[in-house]
Structure formats: structure tokens, C-alpha cells
Amino acid sequence: MEWLTTGDGNPVHVILQAFSEKGIQTLMVEGGGHIMSLFLQAQAIDELYLTVCPLLLGGQSDPGLVTGLGFPVAQAPRTEVIQADWRGQELYLHLRLHYPQPC
């Protein structure tokens, strides 16, 4: 799908432009670590709903919230808690994302 990518190889801006042209202003993105990485790199996520469960997983082959190269600390998106709600042993977080200013 080469036609979907921009110069950086990230298709997110092209996808969002196509939705915008159809009048879609809000999009819920569900995906794995790769999809999250693409949308975060494009600074296209405004809010994130995250559930923290009492289960610790790990390992190089286990899925993660964000995969790929990740972000250096100075370029990492930051979060602000909009709402936090405990339900039993699970914590439901509604977060607003903030992106660092380009250098």
C-alpha cells in the first residue's frame, strides 16, 4: 500500500485526510502496539483510554502498548489524567496526550 504513505512511510496523515474529506472529525483507533506507534508518531492521538489490570506480562515477544523504535525521553508524548476510576482491581484511565514542541 505504498500509495497510503507519506515521505516518512507513515500512512496516518493520509488516512486522516481521507476521513476529514468525508466529514469524519472523530475517530476511535483500536489496534496493537504497531498501530499505536504510528498514530503517536503522527501526533494524531488526543485522548487515550487505558485499563491497568493486576497482571504483569513481559518478554521480548509479548505485545506492548507501543512497539517499534519508541521515543527518546525528550520526544516522548506526555499524558495528563482526565479521569481515573477504580473498578475492583482494575484502574480505568482517561488520558489527554501532550506532544513536545519540535526542536
PDB file of N, CA and C in Angstrom:
ATOM      1  N   MET A   1       0.826  -1.189   0.000  1.00  0.00           N
ATOM      2  CA  MET A   1       0.000   0.000   0.000  1.00  0.00           C
ATOM      3  C   MET A   1       0.866   1.247   0.000  1.00  0.00           C
ATOM      4  N   GLU A   2       1.775   1.299  -0.892  1.00  0.00           N
ATOM      5  CA  GLU A   2       2.706   2.424  -0.999  1.00  0.00           C
ATOM      6  C   GLU A   2       1.967   3.756  -1.160  1.00  0.00           C
ATOM      7  N   TRP A   3       0.830   3.747  -1.841  1.00  0.00           N
ATOM      8  CA  TRP A   3       0.086   4.977  -2.097  1.00  0.00           C
ATOM      9  C   TRP A   3      -0.472   5.608  -0.824  1.00  0.00           C
ATOM     10  N   LEU A   4      -0.524   4.846   0.266  1.00  0.00           N
ATOM     11  CA  LEU A   4      -1.060   5.378   1.518  1.00  0.00           C
ATOM     12  C   LEU A   4      -0.025   6.102   2.368  1.00  0.00           C
ATOM     13  N   THR A   5       1.226   6.038   2.000  1.00  0.00           N
ATOM     14  CA  THR A   5       2.247   6.588   2.881  1.00  0.00           C
ATOM     15  C   THR A   5       2.719   7.959   2.415  1.00  0.00           C
ATOM     16  N   THR A   6       3.234   8.697   3.394  1.00  0.00           N
ATOM     17  CA  THR A   6       3.871   9.976   3.088  1.00  0.00           C
ATOM     18  C   THR A   6       5.364   9.719   3.020  1.00  0.00           C
ATOM     19  N   GLY A   7       6.152  10.752   2.939  1.00  0.00           N
ATOM     20  CA  GLY A   7       7.595  10.611   2.814  1.00  0.00           C
ATOM     21  C   GLY A   7       8.237   9.848   3.957  1.00  0.00           C
ATOM     22  N   ASP A   8       7.630   9.882   5.146  1.00  0.00           N
ATOM     23  CA  ASP A   8       8.215   9.177   6.280  1.00  0.00           C
ATOM     24  C   ASP A   8       7.736   7.732   6.382  1.00  0.00           C
ATOM     25  N   GLY A   9       6.903   7.288   5.442  1.00  0.00           N
ATOM     26  CA  GLY A   9       6.410   5.920   5.454  1.00  0.00           C
ATOM     27  C   GLY A   9       5.234   5.703   6.392  1.00  0.00           C
ATOM     28  N   ASN A  10       4.743   6.752   7.027  1.00  0.00           N
ATOM     29  CA  ASN A  10       3.644   6.643   7.971  1.00  0.00           C
ATOM     30  C   ASN A  10       2.337   7.001   7.261  1.00  0.00           C
ATOM     31  N   PRO A  11       1.376   6.082   7.182  1.00  0.00           N
ATOM     32  CA  PRO A  11       0.123   6.337   6.451  1.00  0.00           C
ATOM     33  C   PRO A  11      -0.908   7.152   7.214  1.00  0.00           C
ATOM     34  N   VAL A  12      -0.670   7.492   8.459  1.00  0.00           N
ATOM     35  CA  VAL A  12      -1.704   8.093   9.307  1.00  0.00           C
ATOM     36  C   VAL A  12      -2.226   9.406   8.749  1.00  0.00           C
ATOM     37  N   HIS A  13      -1.371  10.312   8.330  1.00  0.00           N
ATOM     38  CA  HIS A  13      -1.840  11.611   7.830  1.00  0.00           C
ATOM     39  C   HIS A  13      -2.703  11.447   6.575  1.00  0.00           C
ATOM     40  N   VAL A  14      -2.344  10.525   5.715  1.00  0.00           N
ATOM     41  CA  VAL A  14      -3.124  10.274   4.502  1.00  0.00           C
ATOM     42  C   VAL A  14      -4.492   9.709   4.877  1.00  0.00           C
ATOM     43  N   ILE A  15      -4.520   8.774   5.822  1.00  0.00           N
ATOM     44  CA  ILE A  15      -5.779   8.179   6.272  1.00  0.00           C
ATOM     45  C   ILE A  15      -6.674   9.239   6.912  1.00  0.00           C
ATOM     46  N   LEU A  16      -6.111  10.057   7.794  1.00  0.00           N
ATOM     47  CA  LEU A  16      -6.906  11.084   8.462  1.00  0.00           C
ATOM     48  C   LEU A  16      -7.422  12.133   7.480  1.00  0.00           C
ATOM     49  N   GLN A  17      -6.636  12.457   6.473  1.00  0.00           N
ATOM     50  CA  GLN A  17      -7.085  13.409   5.449  1.00  0.00           C
ATOM     51  C   GLN A  17      -8.281  12.838   4.684  1.00  0.00           C
ATOM     52  N   ALA A  18      -8.222  11.558   4.347  1.00  0.00           N
ATOM     53  CA  ALA A  18      -9.333  10.928   3.630  1.00  0.00           C
ATOM     54  C   ALA A  18     -10.604  10.941   4.481  1.00  0.00           C
ATOM     55  N   PHE A  19     -10.482  10.657   5.779  1.00  0.00           N
ATOM     56  CA  PHE A  19     -11.648  10.712   6.659  1.00  0.00           C
ATOM     57  C   PHE A  19     -12.166  12.141   6.778  1.00  0.00           C
ATOM     58  N   SER A  20     -11.280  13.097   6.896  1.00  0.00           N
ATOM     59  CA  SER A  20     -11.663  14.500   7.016  1.00  0.00           C
ATOM     60  C   SER A  20     -12.455  14.953   5.792  1.00  0.00           C
ATOM     61  N   GLU A  21     -12.023  14.530   4.619  1.00  0.00           N
ATOM     62  CA  GLU A  21     -12.724  14.884   3.384  1.00  0.00           C
ATOM     63  C   GLU A  21     -14.131  14.310   3.345  1.00  0.00           C
ATOM     64  N   LYS A  22     -14.383  13.264   4.107  1.00  0.00           N
ATOM     65  CA  LYS A  22     -15.716  12.662   4.195  1.00  0.00           C
ATOM     66  C   LYS A  22     -16.507  13.221   5.381  1.00  0.00           C
ATOM     67  N   GLY A  23     -15.955  14.232   6.064  1.00  0.00           N
ATOM     68  CA  GLY A  23     -16.652  14.876   7.167  1.00  0.00           C
ATOM     69  C   GLY A  23     -16.475  14.192   8.515  1.00  0.00           C
ATOM     70  N   ILE A  24     -15.624  13.195   8.592  1.00  0.00           N
ATOM     71  CA  ILE A  24     -15.379  12.494   9.856  1.00  0.00           C
ATOM     72  C   ILE A  24     -14.367  13.295  10.665  1.00  0.00           C
ATOM     73  N   GLN A  25     -14.757  13.706  11.863  1.00  0.00           N
ATOM     74  CA  GLN A  25     -13.898  14.533  12.697  1.00  0.00           C
ATOM     75  C   GLN A  25     -13.362  13.797  13.913  1.00  0.00           C
ATOM     76  N   THR A  26     -14.006  12.701  14.295  1.00  0.00           N
ATOM     77  CA  THR A  26     -13.577  11.933  15.457  1.00  0.00           C
ATOM     78  C   THR A  26     -13.410  10.484  15.034  1.00  0.00           C
ATOM     79  N   LEU A  27     -12.333   9.876  15.470  1.00  0.00           N
ATOM     80  CA  LEU A  27     -12.030   8.507  15.089  1.00  0.00           C
ATOM     81  C   LEU A  27     -11.553   7.743  16.317  1.00  0.00           C
ATOM     82  N   MET A  28     -12.123   6.569  16.535  1.00  0.00           N
ATOM     83  CA  MET A  28     -11.635   5.703  17.591  1.00  0.00           C
ATOM     84  C   MET A  28     -10.681   4.697  16.958  1.00  0.00           C
ATOM     85  N   VAL A  29      -9.475   4.648  17.475  1.00  0.00           N
ATOM     86  CA  VAL A  29      -8.461   3.751  16.925  1.00  0.00           C
ATOM     87  C   VAL A  29      -8.260   2.608  17.901  1.00  0.00           C
ATOM     88  N   GLU A  30      -8.451   1.396  17.425  1.00  0.00           N
ATOM     89  CA  GLU A  30      -8.165   0.205  18.212  1.00  0.00           C
ATOM     90  C   GLU A  30      -7.122  -0.590  17.450  1.00  0.00           C
ATOM     91  N   GLY A  31      -6.071  -0.923  18.108  1.00  0.00           N
ATOM     92  CA  GLY A  31      -5.044  -1.690  17.433  1.00  0.00           C
ATOM     93  C   GLY A  31      -3.975  -2.098  18.418  1.00  0.00           C
ATOM     94  N   GLY A  32      -3.002  -2.757  17.906  1.00  0.00           N
ATOM     95  CA  GLY A  32      -1.894  -3.191  18.738  1.00  0.00           C
ATOM     96  C   GLY A  32      -0.804  -2.133  18.813  1.00  0.00           C
ATOM     97  N   GLY A  33       0.344  -2.556  19.293  1.00  0.00           N
ATOM     98  CA  GLY A  33       1.461  -1.662  19.511  1.00  0.00           C
ATOM     99  C   GLY A  33       1.949  -0.954  18.259  1.00  0.00           C
ATOM    100  N   HIS A  34       1.885  -1.626  17.109  1.00  0.00           N
ATOM    101  CA  HIS A  34       2.348  -1.015  15.860  1.00  0.00           C
ATOM    102  C   HIS A  34       1.427   0.136  15.442  1.00  0.00           C
ATOM    103  N   ILE A  35       0.112  -0.108  15.510  1.00  0.00           N
ATOM    104  CA  ILE A  35      -0.849   0.938  15.154  1.00  0.00           C
ATOM    105  C   ILE A  35      -0.712   2.124  16.102  1.00  0.00           C
ATOM    106  N   MET A  36      -0.600   1.842  17.392  1.00  0.00           N
ATOM    107  CA  MET A  36      -0.425   2.919  18.374  1.00  0.00           C
ATOM    108  C   MET A  36       0.836   3.728  18.075  1.00  0.00           C
ATOM    109  N   SER A  37       1.903   3.038  17.738  1.00  0.00           N
ATOM    110  CA  SER A  37       3.160   3.711  17.428  1.00  0.00           C
ATOM    111  C   SER A  37       3.000   4.662  16.244  1.00  0.00           C
ATOM    112  N   LEU A  38       2.321   4.202  15.188  1.00  0.00           N
ATOM    113  CA  LEU A  38       2.120   5.047  14.002  1.00  0.00           C
ATOM    114  C   LEU A  38       1.316   6.301  14.336  1.00  0.00           C
ATOM    115  N   PHE A  39       0.239   6.139  15.104  1.00  0.00           N
ATOM    116  CA  PHE A  39      -0.597   7.291  15.443  1.00  0.00           C
ATOM    117  C   PHE A  39       0.113   8.231  16.406  1.00  0.00           C
ATOM    118  N   LEU A  40       0.899   7.696  17.341  1.00  0.00           N
ATOM    119  CA  LEU A  40       1.668   8.554  18.247  1.00  0.00           C
ATOM    120  C   LEU A  40       2.763   9.307  17.498  1.00  0.00           C
ATOM    121  N   GLN A  41       3.446   8.627  16.581  1.00  0.00           N
ATOM    122  CA  GLN A  41       4.479   9.299  15.784  1.00  0.00           C
ATOM    123  C   GLN A  41       3.885  10.443  14.971  1.00  0.00           C
ATOM    124  N   ALA A  42       2.656  10.259  14.493  1.00  0.00           N
ATOM    125  CA  ALA A  42       1.978  11.292  13.704  1.00  0.00           C
ATOM    126  C   ALA A  42       1.337  12.352  14.602  1.00  0.00           C
ATOM    127  N   GLN A  43       1.461  12.191  15.910  1.00  0.00           N
ATOM    128  CA  GLN A  43       0.846  13.088  16.898  1.00  0.00           C
ATOM    129  C   GLN A  43      -0.643  13.224  16.619  1.00  0.00           C
ATOM    130  N   ALA A  44      -1.279  12.105  16.335  1.00  0.00           N
ATOM    131  CA  ALA A  44      -2.678  12.080  15.934  1.00  0.00           C
ATOM    132  C   ALA A  44      -3.608  11.543  17.018  1.00  0.00           C
ATOM    133  N   ILE A  45      -3.106  11.326  18.212  1.00  0.00           N
ATOM    134  CA  ILE A  45      -3.955  10.868  19.313  1.00  0.00           C
ATOM    135  C   ILE A  45      -4.093  12.012  20.302  1.00  0.00           C
ATOM    136  N   ASP A  46      -5.336  12.411  20.550  1.00  0.00           N
ATOM    137  CA  ASP A  46      -5.609  13.477  21.509  1.00  0.00           C
ATOM    138  C   ASP A  46      -5.902  12.915  22.895  1.00  0.00           C
ATOM    139  N   GLU A  47      -6.656  11.814  22.926  1.00  0.00           N
ATOM    140  CA  GLU A  47      -7.034  11.208  24.191  1.00  0.00           C
ATOM    141  C   GLU A  47      -6.859   9.704  24.102  1.00  0.00           C
ATOM    142  N   LEU A  48      -6.606   9.096  25.253  1.00  0.00           N
ATOM    143  CA  LEU A  48      -6.359   7.663  25.327  1.00  0.00           C
ATOM    144  C   LEU A  48      -7.126   7.101  26.511  1.00  0.00           C
ATOM    145  N   TYR A  49      -7.817   6.013  26.285  1.00  0.00           N
ATOM    146  CA  TYR A  49      -8.476   5.278  27.359  1.00  0.00           C
ATOM    147  C   TYR A  49      -7.640   4.029  27.613  1.00  0.00           C
ATOM    148  N   LEU A  50      -7.166   3.890  28.827  1.00  0.00           N
ATOM    149  CA  LEU A  50      -6.235   2.819  29.160  1.00  0.00           C
ATOM    150  C   LEU A  50      -6.727   2.103  30.412  1.00  0.00           C
ATOM    151  N   THR A  51      -6.724   0.780  30.380  1.00  0.00           N
ATOM    152  CA  THR A  51      -7.100  -0.017  31.542  1.00  0.00           C
ATOM    153  C   THR A  51      -5.857  -0.699  32.086  1.00  0.00           C
ATOM    154  N   VAL A  52      -5.602  -0.504  33.372  1.00  0.00           N
ATOM    155  CA  VAL A  52      -4.478  -1.149  34.044  1.00  0.00           C
ATOM    156  C   VAL A  52      -5.046  -2.317  34.848  1.00  0.00           C
ATOM    157  N   CYS A  53      -4.624  -3.514  34.513  1.00  0.00           N
ATOM    158  CA  CYS A  53      -5.107  -4.733  35.161  1.00  0.00           C
ATOM    159  C   CYS A  53      -4.033  -5.298  36.085  1.00  0.00           C
ATOM    160  N   PRO A  54      -4.426  -6.051  37.102  1.00  0.00           N
ATOM    161  CA  PRO A  54      -3.451  -6.627  38.034  1.00  0.00           C
ATOM    162  C   PRO A  54      -2.791  -7.877  37.464  1.00  0.00           C
ATOM    163  N   LEU A  55      -2.150  -7.725  36.321  1.00  0.00           N
ATOM    164  CA  LEU A  55      -1.484  -8.836  35.650  1.00  0.00           C
ATOM    165  C   LEU A  55      -0.214  -8.300  35.011  1.00  0.00           C
ATOM    166  N   LEU A  56       0.906  -8.846  35.371  1.00  0.00           N
ATOM    167  CA  LEU A  56       2.180  -8.396  34.810  1.00  0.00           C
ATOM    168  C   LEU A  56       2.653  -9.375  33.756  1.00  0.00           C
ATOM    169  N   LEU A  57       2.807  -8.871  32.550  1.00  0.00           N
ATOM    170  CA  LEU A  57       3.315  -9.670  31.441  1.00  0.00           C
ATOM    171  C   LEU A  57       4.626  -9.068  30.994  1.00  0.00           C
ATOM    172  N   GLY A  58       5.429  -9.827  30.350  1.00  0.00           N
ATOM    173  CA  GLY A  58       6.675  -9.274  29.859  1.00  0.00           C
ATOM    174  C   GLY A  58       7.374 -10.245  28.942  1.00  0.00           C
ATOM    175  N   GLY A  59       8.401  -9.759  28.324  1.00  0.00           N
ATOM    176  CA  GLY A  59       9.168 -10.576  27.402  1.00  0.00           C
ATOM    177  C   GLY A  59       9.275  -9.904  26.054  1.00  0.00           C
ATOM    178  N   GLN A  60      10.283 -10.244  25.323  1.00  0.00           N
ATOM    179  CA  GLN A  60      10.529  -9.589  24.042  1.00  0.00           C
ATOM    180  C   GLN A  60       9.461  -9.885  23.003  1.00  0.00           C
ATOM    181  N   SER A  61       8.812 -11.025  23.088  1.00  0.00           N
ATOM    182  CA  SER A  61       7.805 -11.361  22.079  1.00  0.00           C
ATOM    183  C   SER A  61       6.385 -11.027  22.535  1.00  0.00           C
ATOM    184  N   ASP A  62       6.211 -10.529  23.762  1.00  0.00           N
ATOM    185  CA  ASP A  62       4.874 -10.177  24.230  1.00  0.00           C
ATOM    186  C   ASP A  62       4.448  -8.840  23.642  1.00  0.00           C
ATOM    187  N   PRO A  63       3.146  -8.699  23.365  1.00  0.00           N
ATOM    188  CA  PRO A  63       2.674  -7.425  22.816  1.00  0.00           C
ATOM    189  C   PRO A  63       2.781  -6.316  23.847  1.00  0.00           C
ATOM    190  N   GLY A  64       2.990  -5.113  23.364  1.00  0.00           N
ATOM    191  CA  GLY A  64       3.083  -3.947  24.234  1.00  0.00           C
ATOM    192  C   GLY A  64       2.168  -2.852  23.735  1.00  0.00           C
ATOM    193  N   LEU A  65       1.958  -1.840  24.545  1.00  0.00           N
ATOM    194  CA  LEU A  65       1.107  -0.717  24.159  1.00  0.00           C
ATOM    195  C   LEU A  65       1.673   0.013  22.943  1.00  0.00           C
ATOM    196  N   VAL A  66       2.989   0.192  22.913  1.00  0.00           N
ATOM    197  CA  VAL A  66       3.664   0.845  21.787  1.00  0.00           C
ATOM    198  C   VAL A  66       4.856  -0.015  21.421  1.00  0.00           C
ATOM    199  N   THR A  67       4.962  -0.377  20.154  1.00  0.00           N
ATOM    200  CA  THR A  67       6.101  -1.181  19.701  1.00  0.00           C
ATOM    201  C   THR A  67       6.948  -0.354  18.741  1.00  0.00           C
ATOM    202  N   GLY A  68       7.894  -0.992  18.128  1.00  0.00           N
ATOM    203  CA  GLY A  68       8.755  -0.285  17.194  1.00  0.00           C
ATOM    204  C   GLY A  68       9.919   0.361  17.917  1.00  0.00           C
ATOM    205  N   LEU A  69      10.420   1.440  17.363  1.00  0.00           N
ATOM    206  CA  LEU A  69      11.594   2.103  17.908  1.00  0.00           C
ATOM    207  C   LEU A  69      11.300   2.881  19.194  1.00  0.00           C
ATOM    208  N   GLY A  70      10.044   3.253  19.401  1.00  0.00           N
ATOM    209  CA  GLY A  70       9.705   4.016  20.597  1.00  0.00           C
ATOM    210  C   GLY A  70      10.116   5.468  20.454  1.00  0.00           C
ATOM    211  N   PHE A  71      10.250   6.138  21.583  1.00  0.00           N
ATOM    212  CA  PHE A  71      10.550   7.564  21.586  1.00  0.00           C
ATOM    213  C   PHE A  71      11.677   7.847  22.563  1.00  0.00           C
ATOM    214  N   PRO A  72      12.637   8.685  22.192  1.00  0.00           N
ATOM    215  CA  PRO A  72      13.594   9.177  23.186  1.00  0.00           C
ATOM    216  C   PRO A  72      12.823   9.998  24.226  1.00  0.00           C
ATOM    217  N   VAL A  73      13.320  10.077  25.428  1.00  0.00           N
ATOM    218  CA  VAL A  73      12.614  10.754  26.517  1.00  0.00           C
ATOM    219  C   VAL A  73      12.194  12.168  26.115  1.00  0.00           C
ATOM    220  N   ALA A  74      13.059  12.917  25.477  1.00  0.00           N
ATOM    221  CA  ALA A  74      12.749  14.310  25.125  1.00  0.00           C
ATOM    222  C   ALA A  74      11.616  14.411  24.099  1.00  0.00           C
ATOM    223  N   GLN A  75      11.392  13.364  23.318  1.00  0.00           N
ATOM    224  CA  GLN A  75      10.363  13.392  22.281  1.00  0.00           C
ATOM    225  C   GLN A  75       9.138  12.558  22.637  1.00  0.00           C
ATOM    226  N   ALA A  76       9.121  11.976  23.812  1.00  0.00           N
ATOM    227  CA  ALA A  76       8.019  11.100  24.210  1.00  0.00           C
ATOM    228  C   ALA A  76       6.755  11.903  24.506  1.00  0.00           C
ATOM    229  N   PRO A  77       5.618  11.426  24.014  1.00  0.00           N
ATOM    230  CA  PRO A  77       4.356  12.073  24.379  1.00  0.00           C
ATOM    231  C   PRO A  77       4.140  11.971  25.892  1.00  0.00           C
ATOM    232  N   ARG A  78       3.550  12.994  26.447  1.00  0.00           N
ATOM    233  CA  ARG A  78       3.228  13.013  27.875  1.00  0.00           C
ATOM    234  C   ARG A  78       1.719  12.865  28.032  1.00  0.00           C
ATOM    235  N   THR A  79       1.293  12.408  29.204  1.00  0.00           N
ATOM    236  CA  THR A  79      -0.131  12.262  29.446  1.00  0.00           C
ATOM    237  C   THR A  79      -0.561  13.091  30.643  1.00  0.00           C
ATOM    238  N   GLU A  80      -1.805  13.480  30.613  1.00  0.00           N
ATOM    239  CA  GLU A  80      -2.452  14.187  31.716  1.00  0.00           C
ATOM    240  C   GLU A  80      -3.702  13.379  32.049  1.00  0.00           C
ATOM    241  N   VAL A  81      -3.896  13.063  33.304  1.00  0.00           N
ATOM    242  CA  VAL A  81      -5.057  12.278  33.710  1.00  0.00           C
ATOM    243  C   VAL A  81      -6.297  13.171  33.713  1.00  0.00           C
ATOM    244  N   ILE A  82      -7.259  12.810  32.897  1.00  0.00           N
ATOM    245  CA  ILE A  82      -8.545  13.494  32.873  1.00  0.00           C
ATOM    246  C   ILE A  82      -9.468  12.851  33.910  1.00  0.00           C
ATOM    247  N   GLN A  83      -9.447  11.522  33.945  1.00  0.00           N
ATOM    248  CA  GLN A  83     -10.295  10.799  34.884  1.00  0.00           C
ATOM    249  C   GLN A  83      -9.633   9.470  35.221  1.00  0.00           C
ATOM    250  N   ALA A  84      -9.762   9.061  36.466  1.00  0.00           N
ATOM    251  CA  ALA A  84      -9.284   7.762  36.924  1.00  0.00           C
ATOM    252  C   ALA A  84     -10.405   7.110  37.718  1.00  0.00           C
ATOM    253  N   ASP A  85     -10.694   5.865  37.404  1.00  0.00           N
ATOM    254  CA  ASP A  85     -11.818   5.182  38.039  1.00  0.00           C
ATOM    255  C   ASP A  85     -11.410   3.747  38.378  1.00  0.00           C
ATOM    256  N   TRP A  86     -11.436   3.425  39.666  1.00  0.00           N
ATOM    257  CA  TRP A  86     -11.167   2.054  40.108  1.00  0.00           C
ATOM    258  C   TRP A  86     -12.456   1.252  40.025  1.00  0.00           C
ATOM    259  N   ARG A  87     -12.377   0.078  39.422  1.00  0.00           N
ATOM    260  CA  ARG A  87     -13.495  -0.873  39.409  1.00  0.00           C
ATOM    261  C   ARG A  87     -12.902  -2.222  39.798  1.00  0.00           C
ATOM    262  N   GLY A  88     -13.122  -2.590  41.046  1.00  0.00           N
ATOM    263  CA  GLY A  88     -12.493  -3.799  41.557  1.00  0.00           C
ATOM    264  C   GLY A  88     -10.993  -3.590  41.586  1.00  0.00           C
ATOM    265  N   GLN A  89     -10.266  -4.467  40.959  1.00  0.00           N
ATOM    266  CA  GLN A  89      -8.805  -4.376  40.910  1.00  0.00           C
ATOM    267  C   GLN A  89      -8.295  -3.755  39.615  1.00  0.00           C
ATOM    268  N   GLU A  90      -9.177  -3.222  38.788  1.00  0.00           N
ATOM    269  CA  GLU A  90      -8.766  -2.601  37.528  1.00  0.00           C
ATOM    270  C   GLU A  90      -8.893  -1.082  37.623  1.00  0.00           C
ATOM    271  N   LEU A  91      -7.918  -0.412  37.050  1.00  0.00           N
ATOM    272  CA  LEU A  91      -7.904   1.045  37.018  1.00  0.00           C
ATOM    273  C   LEU A  91      -8.169   1.502  35.587  1.00  0.00           C
ATOM    274  N   TYR A  92      -9.233   2.262  35.412  1.00  0.00           N
ATOM    275  CA  TYR A  92      -9.595   2.792  34.102  1.00  0.00           C
ATOM    276  C   TYR A  92      -9.136   4.240  34.037  1.00  0.00           C
ATOM    277  N   LEU A  93      -8.262   4.532  33.087  1.00  0.00           N
ATOM    278  CA  LEU A  93      -7.699   5.871  32.940  1.00  0.00           C
ATOM    279  C   LEU A  93      -8.176   6.518  31.644  1.00  0.00           C
ATOM    280  N   HIS A  94      -8.559   7.768  31.748  1.00  0.00           N
ATOM    281  CA  HIS A  94      -8.854   8.589  30.577  1.00  0.00           C
ATOM    282  C   HIS A  94      -7.751   9.645  30.565  1.00  0.00           C
ATOM    283  N   LEU A  95      -6.931   9.621  29.537  1.00  0.00           N
ATOM    284  CA  LEU A  95      -5.737  10.463  29.485  1.00  0.00           C
ATOM    285  C   LEU A  95      -5.792  11.422  28.300  1.00  0.00           C
ATOM    286  N   ARG A  96      -5.256  12.606  28.497  1.00  0.00           N
ATOM    287  CA  ARG A  96      -5.051  13.559  27.401  1.00  0.00           C
ATOM    288  C   ARG A  96      -3.568  13.504  27.051  1.00  0.00           C
ATOM    289  N   LEU A  97      -3.258  13.471  25.765  1.00  0.00           N
ATOM    290  CA  LEU A  97      -1.861  13.425  25.341  1.00  0.00           C
ATOM    291  C   LEU A  97      -1.358  14.812  24.992  1.00  0.00           C
ATOM    292  N   HIS A  98      -0.102  15.046  25.342  1.00  0.00           N
ATOM    293  CA  HIS A  98       0.614  16.278  25.014  1.00  0.00           C
ATOM    294  C   HIS A  98       1.899  15.872  24.318  1.00  0.00           C
ATOM    295  N   TYR A  99       2.201  16.532  23.235  1.00  0.00           N
ATOM    296  CA  TYR A  99       3.393  16.219  22.465  1.00  0.00           C
ATOM    297  C   TYR A  99       4.416  17.329  22.636  1.00  0.00           C
ATOM    298  N   PRO A 100       5.700  16.964  22.717  1.00  0.00           N
ATOM    299  CA  PRO A 100       6.731  18.005  22.857  1.00  0.00           C
ATOM    300  C   PRO A 100       6.800  18.873  21.607  1.00  0.00           C
ATOM    301  N   GLN A 101       7.222  20.101  21.803  1.00  0.00           N
ATOM    302  CA  GLN A 101       7.388  21.015  20.675  1.00  0.00           C
ATOM    303  C   GLN A 101       8.571  20.559  19.835  1.00  0.00           C
ATOM    304  N   PRO A 102       8.464  20.628  18.510  1.00  0.00           N
ATOM    305  CA  PRO A 102       9.608  20.251  17.674  1.00  0.00           C
ATOM    306  C   PRO A 102      10.785  21.180  17.916  1.00  0.00           C
ATOM    307  N   CYS A 103      11.950  20.631  17.817  1.00  0.00           N
ATOM    308  CA  CYS A 103      13.176  21.424  18.040  1.00  0.00           C
ATOM    309  C   CYS A 103      13.496  22.275  16.836  1.00  0.00           C
TER     310      CYS A 103
END
